[in-house]
């Protein structure tokens, strides 16, 4: 059985490296372009798999050549594709990404077949999912499918983690009760709670409000400032790892995939978050999304012990 199930998205990344972002109506020449594999769900799956976890994807691809490439990429990385569903008549998801010289990025997503992932698809994968140690989800698939997965996971006794991105202002937190982990960034946290999140103290208060509504653990990701771990009885700062960024695309997904790997491997949550922070920091020192994710051996060569 797979240790981690990812009920989520996959995309083909269309990455343009720009000298500066064009203004409205402006045409500029960009120095380079690359294609790669992405999507929040797929990124998290690849990160966990490269670190050594057994991972299965529950996702939909389109009826196109991108689907072939996505399936081949999963298989190269040892991911179970039994529940990767081809969807006739729909394109695969794509993500045009623009990366500035600072390494910061701007991303558009076109869900394509990801928008067709249904509660019935989750039920069809029940035998696989109920044997997992953790289920990862994101919001690049229909929110009804996320709610359904949370309900079924509760019945099966399987812990769940949700990355609430892209942010949805009408996300029903009541339907997310019993999530083991919710991992918003500061913007997503503000959207979820309707509270101001302009300081670390405000982030802590907003996270505590979510814990009070039934979420087990809230992990607020703060980019270059690290992360904030909030439970019913603990608030802990996870310090950042300082590196020189080349491309920050996919760093958040590297963090989540690595955290999933380390926490299901038996590390306590704070230590798993520390390792995940190092893994994500390592990823931004190289170009690309999944191609920047280290294997376990590569990671340990850069971050021994």
Protein backbone atom coordinates (compact mmCIF):
# COMPACT_ATOMS: atom_id res chain seq x y z
CA UNK A 1 0.00 0.00 0.00
CA UNK A 2 1.13 3.57 -0.63
CA UNK A 3 2.09 5.56 2.44
CA UNK A 4 0.91 8.94 1.06
CA UNK A 5 -2.08 9.55 -1.22
CA UNK A 6 -2.35 12.83 -3.10
CA UNK A 7 -5.89 13.75 -4.11
CA UNK A 8 -5.03 16.73 -6.23
CA UNK A 9 -3.87 18.45 -9.33
CA UNK A 10 -1.30 18.07 -12.05
CA UNK A 11 -0.21 20.71 -14.56
CA UNK A 12 2.27 21.24 -17.33
CA UNK A 13 4.39 24.24 -16.34
CA UNK A 14 5.12 26.73 -19.13
CA UNK A 15 7.94 28.76 -17.61
CA UNK A 16 9.15 32.06 -19.05
CA UNK A 17 12.16 33.77 -17.47
CA UNK A 18 11.76 37.54 -17.85
CA UNK A 19 14.02 40.54 -17.32
CA UNK A 20 10.94 42.42 -16.12
CA UNK A 21 7.21 41.80 -16.14
CA UNK A 22 5.47 43.49 -19.10
CA UNK A 23 3.11 46.34 -18.43
CA UNK A 24 -0.44 46.16 -19.74
CA UNK A 25 -0.32 46.38 -23.52
CA UNK A 26 3.47 46.04 -23.60
CA UNK A 27 5.38 43.42 -25.58
CA UNK A 28 8.81 42.48 -24.27
CA UNK A 29 11.38 39.91 -25.28
CA UNK A 30 12.12 37.22 -22.70
CA UNK A 31 15.53 35.56 -22.52
CA UNK A 32 14.40 31.93 -22.06
CA UNK A 33 11.51 29.49 -21.85
CA UNK A 34 11.19 25.97 -20.40
CA UNK A 35 8.47 23.37 -20.05
CA UNK A 36 8.19 21.20 -16.96
CA UNK A 37 5.84 19.18 -14.83
CA UNK A 38 3.87 20.90 -12.09
CA UNK A 39 0.54 21.34 -10.36
CA UNK A 40 0.43 21.55 -6.60
CA UNK A 41 -0.68 17.95 -6.12
CA UNK A 42 1.87 16.49 -8.51
CA UNK A 43 4.66 18.64 -7.10
CA UNK A 44 3.97 17.47 -3.56
CA UNK A 45 3.81 13.85 -4.74
CA UNK A 46 7.14 14.11 -6.57
CA UNK A 47 8.90 15.73 -3.60
CA UNK A 48 7.72 13.00 -1.22
CA UNK A 49 8.56 10.24 -3.70
CA UNK A 50 12.07 11.55 -4.36
CA UNK A 51 12.71 11.50 -0.64
CA UNK A 52 11.69 7.84 -0.53
CA UNK A 53 7.99 7.71 0.31
CA UNK A 54 5.56 5.42 -1.46
CA UNK A 55 3.07 7.78 -3.12
CA UNK A 56 -0.14 7.38 -5.13
CA UNK A 57 -1.88 10.07 -7.17
CA UNK A 58 -5.65 10.41 -7.48
CA UNK A 59 -6.01 12.91 -10.31
CA UNK A 60 -7.28 13.52 -13.84
CA UNK A 61 -5.29 14.29 -16.96
CA UNK A 62 -6.66 15.43 -20.29
CA UNK A 63 -6.91 13.85 -23.69
CA UNK A 64 -3.66 15.21 -25.12
CA UNK A 65 0.10 14.76 -25.33
CA UNK A 66 0.56 16.54 -21.99
CA UNK A 67 -1.30 13.61 -20.40
CA UNK A 68 1.20 11.14 -21.85
CA UNK A 69 4.09 13.20 -20.51
CA UNK A 70 2.50 13.51 -17.07
CA UNK A 71 1.89 9.77 -16.75
CA UNK A 72 5.45 9.00 -17.85
CA UNK A 73 6.80 11.50 -15.32
CA UNK A 74 4.85 9.90 -12.47
CA UNK A 75 6.05 6.45 -13.46
CA UNK A 76 9.70 7.58 -13.68
CA UNK A 77 9.39 8.79 -10.10
CA UNK A 78 7.82 5.58 -8.82
CA UNK A 79 4.36 7.02 -8.22
CA UNK A 80 1.32 4.74 -8.32
CA UNK A 81 -0.78 5.83 -11.34
CA UNK A 82 -3.65 3.34 -10.98
CA UNK A 83 -6.00 6.24 -10.24
CA UNK A 84 -4.67 8.79 -12.74
CA UNK A 85 -7.71 9.09 -15.00
CA UNK A 86 -7.67 10.17 -18.64
CA UNK A 87 -10.57 12.52 -19.41
CA UNK A 88 -11.80 12.49 -23.03
CA UNK A 89 -12.63 15.87 -24.51
CA UNK A 90 -10.72 17.93 -21.94
CA UNK A 91 -7.19 19.35 -22.02
CA UNK A 92 -4.68 18.68 -19.29
CA UNK A 93 -4.10 21.49 -16.81
CA UNK A 94 -1.45 24.07 -17.63
CA UNK A 95 0.34 26.74 -15.62
CA UNK A 96 2.01 29.66 -17.42
CA UNK A 97 4.71 30.92 -15.02
CA UNK A 98 6.77 34.10 -15.22
CA UNK A 99 10.02 34.21 -13.24
CA UNK A 100 11.80 37.50 -12.55
CA UNK A 101 15.58 37.91 -12.03
CA UNK A 102 15.02 37.99 -8.24
CA UNK A 103 13.62 34.46 -8.44
CA UNK A 104 10.10 35.64 -7.59
CA UNK A 105 7.32 34.30 -9.80
CA UNK A 106 3.81 35.04 -11.05
CA UNK A 107 1.59 32.10 -12.00
CA UNK A 108 -1.64 31.55 -13.91
CA UNK A 109 -3.39 28.20 -13.73
CA UNK A 110 -5.82 26.65 -16.19
CA UNK A 111 -7.36 23.64 -14.43
CA UNK A 112 -8.42 21.68 -17.51
CA UNK A 113 -9.15 18.06 -16.55
CA UNK A 114 -8.33 18.80 -12.90
CA UNK A 115 -11.74 20.48 -12.69
CA UNK A 116 -13.41 17.12 -13.43
CA UNK A 117 -11.90 15.22 -10.47
CA UNK A 118 -15.00 14.06 -8.61
CA UNK A 119 -16.08 12.52 -5.29
CA UNK A 120 -16.77 9.33 -7.25
CA UNK A 121 -13.09 9.24 -8.28
CA UNK A 122 -12.12 9.37 -4.62
CA UNK A 123 -14.54 6.55 -3.76
CA UNK A 124 -13.10 4.47 -6.61
CA UNK A 125 -9.68 4.77 -4.94
CA UNK A 126 -11.02 3.91 -1.47
CA UNK A 127 -9.13 0.63 -1.09
CA UNK A 128 -5.85 2.41 -1.79
CA UNK A 129 -6.51 5.57 0.23
CA UNK A 130 -7.75 3.91 3.42
CA UNK A 131 -4.39 2.15 3.76
CA UNK A 132 -2.35 5.36 3.66
CA UNK A 133 -0.68 7.24 6.49
CA UNK A 134 -1.62 10.69 5.14
CA UNK A 135 -3.76 12.25 2.41
CA UNK A 136 -2.61 15.49 0.77
CA UNK A 137 -5.09 17.88 -0.92
CA UNK A 138 -5.07 21.32 -2.52
CA UNK A 139 -7.69 23.62 -4.07
CA UNK A 140 -6.75 23.19 -7.74
CA UNK A 141 -9.50 20.54 -7.88
CA UNK A 142 -13.25 21.04 -7.18
CA UNK A 143 -13.86 22.03 -3.57
CA UNK A 144 -16.71 19.49 -3.32
CA UNK A 145 -14.13 16.76 -3.97
CA UNK A 146 -11.96 18.15 -1.18
CA UNK A 147 -14.89 18.20 1.28
CA UNK A 148 -15.82 14.64 0.27
CA UNK A 149 -12.26 13.42 0.77
CA UNK A 150 -12.15 14.96 4.25
CA UNK A 151 -15.42 13.21 5.16
CA UNK A 152 -14.31 9.83 3.83
CA UNK A 153 -10.89 10.13 5.46
CA UNK A 154 -12.63 10.80 8.78
CA UNK A 155 -14.60 7.56 8.31
CA UNK A 156 -11.45 5.65 7.39
CA UNK A 157 -9.34 7.12 10.19
CA UNK A 158 -6.73 8.51 7.79
CA UNK A 159 -5.08 11.88 8.66
CA UNK A 160 -5.50 14.65 6.09
CA UNK A 161 -3.54 17.75 5.07
CA UNK A 162 -4.98 20.60 3.02
CA UNK A 163 -3.06 23.37 1.31
CA UNK A 164 -5.82 26.01 0.89
CA UNK A 165 -4.46 27.36 -2.38
CA UNK A 166 -5.53 29.00 -4.55
CA UNK A 167 -7.38 30.87 -1.79
CA UNK A 168 -11.18 30.60 -1.82
CA UNK A 169 -13.05 33.30 0.13
CA UNK A 170 -16.10 31.05 0.56
CA UNK A 171 -14.24 27.93 1.74
CA UNK A 172 -16.42 26.26 4.38
CA UNK A 173 -14.12 25.68 7.35
CA UNK A 174 -16.86 23.68 9.10
CA UNK A 175 -16.48 21.00 6.42
CA UNK A 176 -12.76 20.84 7.13
CA UNK A 177 -13.13 19.96 10.80
CA UNK A 178 -10.85 17.09 11.81
CA UNK A 179 -8.16 17.99 9.28
CA UNK A 180 -4.89 16.93 10.84
CA UNK A 181 -3.01 19.77 9.12
CA UNK A 182 -4.02 23.00 7.38
CA UNK A 183 -1.12 24.87 5.75
CA UNK A 184 -2.12 28.38 4.60
CA UNK A 185 0.24 31.19 3.78
CA UNK A 186 -0.51 34.57 5.34
CA UNK A 187 -2.77 35.73 2.50
CA UNK A 188 -4.73 32.48 2.53
CA UNK A 189 -5.01 32.64 6.32
CA UNK A 190 -6.54 36.11 6.11
CA UNK A 191 -8.97 34.94 3.42
CA UNK A 192 -10.00 31.88 5.44
CA UNK A 193 -10.61 33.71 8.70
CA UNK A 194 -11.60 37.21 7.60
CA UNK A 195 -9.01 38.51 10.09
CA UNK A 196 -6.07 40.83 9.52
CA UNK A 197 -2.78 38.99 9.12
CA UNK A 198 -0.22 41.76 8.90
CA UNK A 199 2.04 40.67 11.74
CA UNK A 200 3.18 37.43 13.29
CA UNK A 201 0.96 38.06 16.33
CA UNK A 202 -2.06 38.46 14.04
CA UNK A 203 -1.10 35.29 12.16
CA UNK A 204 -0.95 33.41 15.48
CA UNK A 205 -4.37 34.73 16.50
CA UNK A 206 -5.94 33.79 13.15
CA UNK A 207 -4.39 30.32 13.27
CA UNK A 208 -5.70 29.81 16.80
CA UNK A 209 -9.17 30.75 15.56
CA UNK A 210 -8.99 27.90 13.03
CA UNK A 211 -7.74 25.43 15.65
CA UNK A 212 -10.74 26.47 17.72
CA UNK A 213 -12.98 25.43 14.84
CA UNK A 214 -11.71 21.86 14.73
CA UNK A 215 -8.47 21.96 12.75
CA UNK A 216 -5.83 19.85 14.49
CA UNK A 217 -2.69 21.76 13.49
CA UNK A 218 -2.30 24.98 11.51
CA UNK A 219 1.07 25.58 9.84
CA UNK A 220 1.34 29.13 8.54
CA UNK A 221 3.97 29.30 5.81
CA UNK A 222 5.74 32.67 5.68
CA UNK A 223 8.17 32.29 2.78
CA UNK A 224 11.62 33.59 3.64
CA UNK A 225 10.53 34.16 7.26
CA UNK A 226 9.94 30.49 7.99
CA UNK A 227 6.72 29.04 9.34
CA UNK A 228 4.45 29.19 12.38
CA UNK A 229 3.21 25.96 14.01
CA UNK A 230 -0.03 26.38 15.96
CA UNK A 231 -1.93 23.67 17.85
CA UNK A 232 -4.35 23.73 20.75
CA UNK A 233 -1.46 23.64 23.20
CA UNK A 234 1.57 24.96 21.33
CA UNK A 235 2.82 27.86 19.24
CA UNK A 236 6.27 27.40 17.74
CA UNK A 237 8.32 29.40 15.24
CA UNK A 238 10.09 27.34 12.56
CA UNK A 239 13.13 29.35 11.54
CA UNK A 240 13.90 29.90 7.84
CA UNK A 241 16.91 28.54 6.00
CA UNK A 242 18.84 31.30 4.25
CA UNK A 243 19.92 30.62 0.66
CA UNK A 244 20.44 32.69 -2.47
CA UNK A 245 17.23 32.17 -4.51
CA UNK A 246 17.38 31.37 -8.21
CA UNK A 247 13.74 30.35 -8.80
CA UNK A 248 11.11 30.11 -6.06
CA UNK A 249 8.57 28.28 -8.26
CA UNK A 250 7.24 25.21 -6.45
CA UNK A 251 9.04 25.89 -3.18
CA UNK A 252 5.82 25.73 -1.16
CA UNK A 253 4.97 22.36 -2.68
CA UNK A 254 8.49 21.09 -1.99
CA UNK A 255 7.94 22.09 1.64
CA UNK A 256 4.62 20.23 1.90
CA UNK A 257 5.80 17.10 0.09
CA UNK A 258 8.91 16.93 2.25
CA UNK A 259 6.91 17.52 5.42
CA UNK A 260 4.55 14.70 4.44
CA UNK A 261 7.51 12.39 3.90
CA UNK A 262 9.26 13.21 7.16
CA UNK A 263 6.16 13.22 9.39
CA UNK A 264 4.91 9.89 8.01
CA UNK A 265 8.42 8.50 8.49
CA UNK A 266 8.07 9.10 12.21
CA UNK A 267 9.63 12.49 12.90
CA UNK A 268 7.77 14.72 15.38
CA UNK A 269 5.96 17.60 13.64
CA UNK A 270 8.44 20.39 14.58
CA UNK A 271 11.42 18.36 13.40
CA UNK A 272 9.59 17.34 10.22
CA UNK A 273 8.89 21.01 9.52
CA UNK A 274 12.55 21.88 10.04
CA UNK A 275 13.62 19.24 7.53
CA UNK A 276 10.92 20.41 5.12
CA UNK A 277 12.21 23.97 5.37
CA UNK A 278 15.70 22.82 4.44
CA UNK A 279 14.36 20.79 1.53
CA UNK A 280 12.33 23.74 0.18
CA UNK A 281 15.28 26.11 0.59
CA UNK A 282 17.47 23.71 -1.36
CA UNK A 283 14.91 23.62 -4.18
CA UNK A 284 15.01 27.37 -4.80
CA UNK A 285 18.74 27.30 -5.52
CA UNK A 286 17.96 25.69 -8.90
CA UNK A 287 15.69 26.51 -11.82
CA UNK A 288 12.38 24.82 -12.47
CA UNK A 289 9.72 23.21 -10.35
CA UNK A 290 9.94 19.42 -9.98
CA UNK A 291 13.33 19.33 -11.64
CA UNK A 292 14.68 21.32 -8.68
CA UNK A 293 13.54 18.72 -6.12
CA UNK A 294 16.40 16.71 -4.66
CA UNK A 295 16.49 12.97 -4.11
CA UNK A 296 17.11 11.77 -0.55
CA UNK A 297 20.81 11.22 -1.32
CA UNK A 298 21.21 14.67 -2.90
CA UNK A 299 19.41 16.32 -0.01
CA UNK A 300 21.55 14.61 2.61
CA UNK A 301 24.74 15.52 0.74
CA UNK A 302 23.75 19.21 1.08
CA UNK A 303 22.17 18.97 4.54
CA UNK A 304 23.92 16.13 6.44
CA UNK A 305 22.17 14.71 9.48
